[in-house]
Amino acid sequence: MLCMSTAIFTQEKYEQAVVTQVNDGGISIFSSSISIENKEHKKEKINRADVSDTYDVSYLLKQVAVIRNDGWEIWNSTSFLNVGGLGCTYFLRRKLK
């Protein structure tokens, strides 16, 4: 019992972040969204010149690289197809200090 309770109290604590890009070529929507725990949600339209086509997620990867340089690690990701395009989401976490 003591070992089990010690394991529970020594679990790592993390803050969470989610970065998403949605490309919908059918209606020409290119947007990016960043949500970081305890910070204001940031959403922006992506300039069409910053993506080569509706399957280009390089803008998203640049944003993830910036966040990773601030101590965040990717712990999961997903992608999804929508009408005429692609969406991707990265889930990141950082150990609480």
Protein backbone atom coordinates (compact mmCIF):
# COMPACT_ATOMS: atom_id res chain seq x y z
CA MET A 1 0.00 0.00 0.00
CA LEU A 2 2.83 2.38 0.86
CA CYS A 3 4.51 1.81 -2.52
CA MET A 4 1.27 2.53 -4.35
CA SER A 5 0.62 5.79 -2.51
CA THR A 6 4.24 6.91 -3.06
CA ALA A 7 3.89 6.28 -6.80
CA ILE A 8 0.76 8.42 -6.95
CA PHE A 9 2.43 11.37 -5.22
CA THR A 10 5.57 11.20 -7.39
CA GLN A 11 3.74 11.36 -10.72
CA GLU A 12 5.03 14.09 -13.00
CA LYS A 13 2.81 17.16 -13.37
CA TYR A 14 2.49 18.80 -16.79
CA GLU A 15 0.91 21.81 -18.39
CA GLN A 16 -0.74 21.21 -21.76
CA ALA A 17 -0.76 22.89 -25.17
CA VAL A 18 -2.56 22.18 -28.44
CA VAL A 19 -1.52 23.50 -31.87
CA THR A 20 -3.87 22.99 -34.83
CA GLN A 21 -3.87 23.92 -38.50
CA VAL A 22 -6.92 23.56 -40.72
CA ASN A 23 -6.69 23.80 -44.50
CA ASP A 24 -9.95 23.68 -46.40
CA GLY A 25 -9.31 24.23 -50.08
CA GLY A 26 -12.99 24.06 -50.92
CA ILE A 27 -13.64 27.43 -49.28
CA SER A 28 -10.03 28.61 -49.03
CA ILE A 29 -9.75 28.65 -45.24
CA PHE A 30 -6.27 28.34 -43.83
CA SER A 31 -6.14 28.90 -40.10
CA SER A 32 -3.93 28.13 -37.16
CA SER A 33 -4.82 27.85 -33.49
CA ILE A 34 -2.65 27.68 -30.38
CA SER A 35 -4.04 26.91 -26.93
CA ILE A 36 -1.64 26.88 -23.99
CA GLU A 37 -2.83 26.17 -20.48
CA ASN A 38 -3.31 29.38 -18.45
CA LYS A 39 -2.73 31.63 -21.49
CA GLU A 40 -5.06 33.34 -23.93
CA HIS A 41 -6.08 31.28 -26.98
CA LYS A 42 -4.43 32.50 -30.18
CA LYS A 43 -6.08 32.02 -33.57
CA GLU A 44 -4.92 33.44 -36.87
CA LYS A 45 -5.62 33.15 -40.56
CA ILE A 46 -2.72 31.81 -42.56
CA ASN A 47 -1.69 33.80 -45.60
CA ARG A 48 -2.38 31.68 -48.68
CA ALA A 49 1.18 32.44 -49.86
CA ASP A 50 2.53 30.61 -46.77
CA VAL A 51 1.10 27.25 -47.93
CA SER A 52 1.72 25.53 -51.24
CA ASP A 53 -1.56 23.57 -51.27
CA THR A 54 -4.32 22.29 -49.02
CA TYR A 55 -2.12 19.45 -47.74
CA ASP A 56 0.83 21.66 -46.74
CA VAL A 57 1.25 21.77 -42.94
CA SER A 58 4.71 23.37 -42.90
CA TYR A 59 3.28 26.48 -41.18
CA LEU A 60 2.05 24.26 -38.35
CA LEU A 61 5.41 22.51 -38.07
CA LYS A 62 7.16 25.89 -37.75
CA GLN A 63 4.85 26.83 -34.87
CA VAL A 64 5.44 23.49 -33.15
CA ALA A 65 9.22 23.97 -33.51
CA VAL A 66 9.00 27.38 -31.80
CA ILE A 67 7.01 25.93 -28.90
CA ARG A 68 9.38 22.95 -28.59
CA ASN A 69 12.30 25.39 -28.23
CA ASP A 70 10.51 26.70 -25.13
CA GLY A 71 10.69 23.34 -23.35
CA TRP A 72 7.55 21.67 -24.69
CA GLU A 73 7.51 18.07 -25.90
CA ILE A 74 5.09 16.47 -28.36
CA TRP A 75 3.17 13.67 -26.69
CA ASN A 76 0.54 13.02 -29.38
CA SER A 77 -0.66 14.17 -32.79
CA THR A 78 -3.50 13.53 -35.16
CA SER A 79 -4.53 14.51 -38.66
CA PHE A 80 -7.89 14.54 -40.35
CA LEU A 81 -9.23 15.02 -43.84
CA ASN A 82 -11.98 17.50 -44.45
CA VAL A 83 -13.68 18.65 -47.64
CA GLY A 84 -10.84 19.57 -49.97
CA GLY A 85 -8.06 19.72 -47.39
CA LEU A 86 -6.27 18.52 -44.33
CA GLY A 87 -6.20 19.37 -40.65
CA CYS A 88 -3.47 18.50 -38.16
CA THR A 89 -3.25 18.82 -34.39
CA TYR A 90 -0.23 18.45 -32.12
CA PHE A 91 -0.64 17.92 -28.39
CA LEU A 92 2.32 19.10 -26.32
CA ARG A 93 3.22 19.05 -22.67
CA ARG A 94 5.83 20.63 -20.43
CA LYS A 95 6.80 19.66 -16.91
CA LEU A 96 5.57 22.08 -14.30
CA LYS A 97 8.37 23.78 -12.40
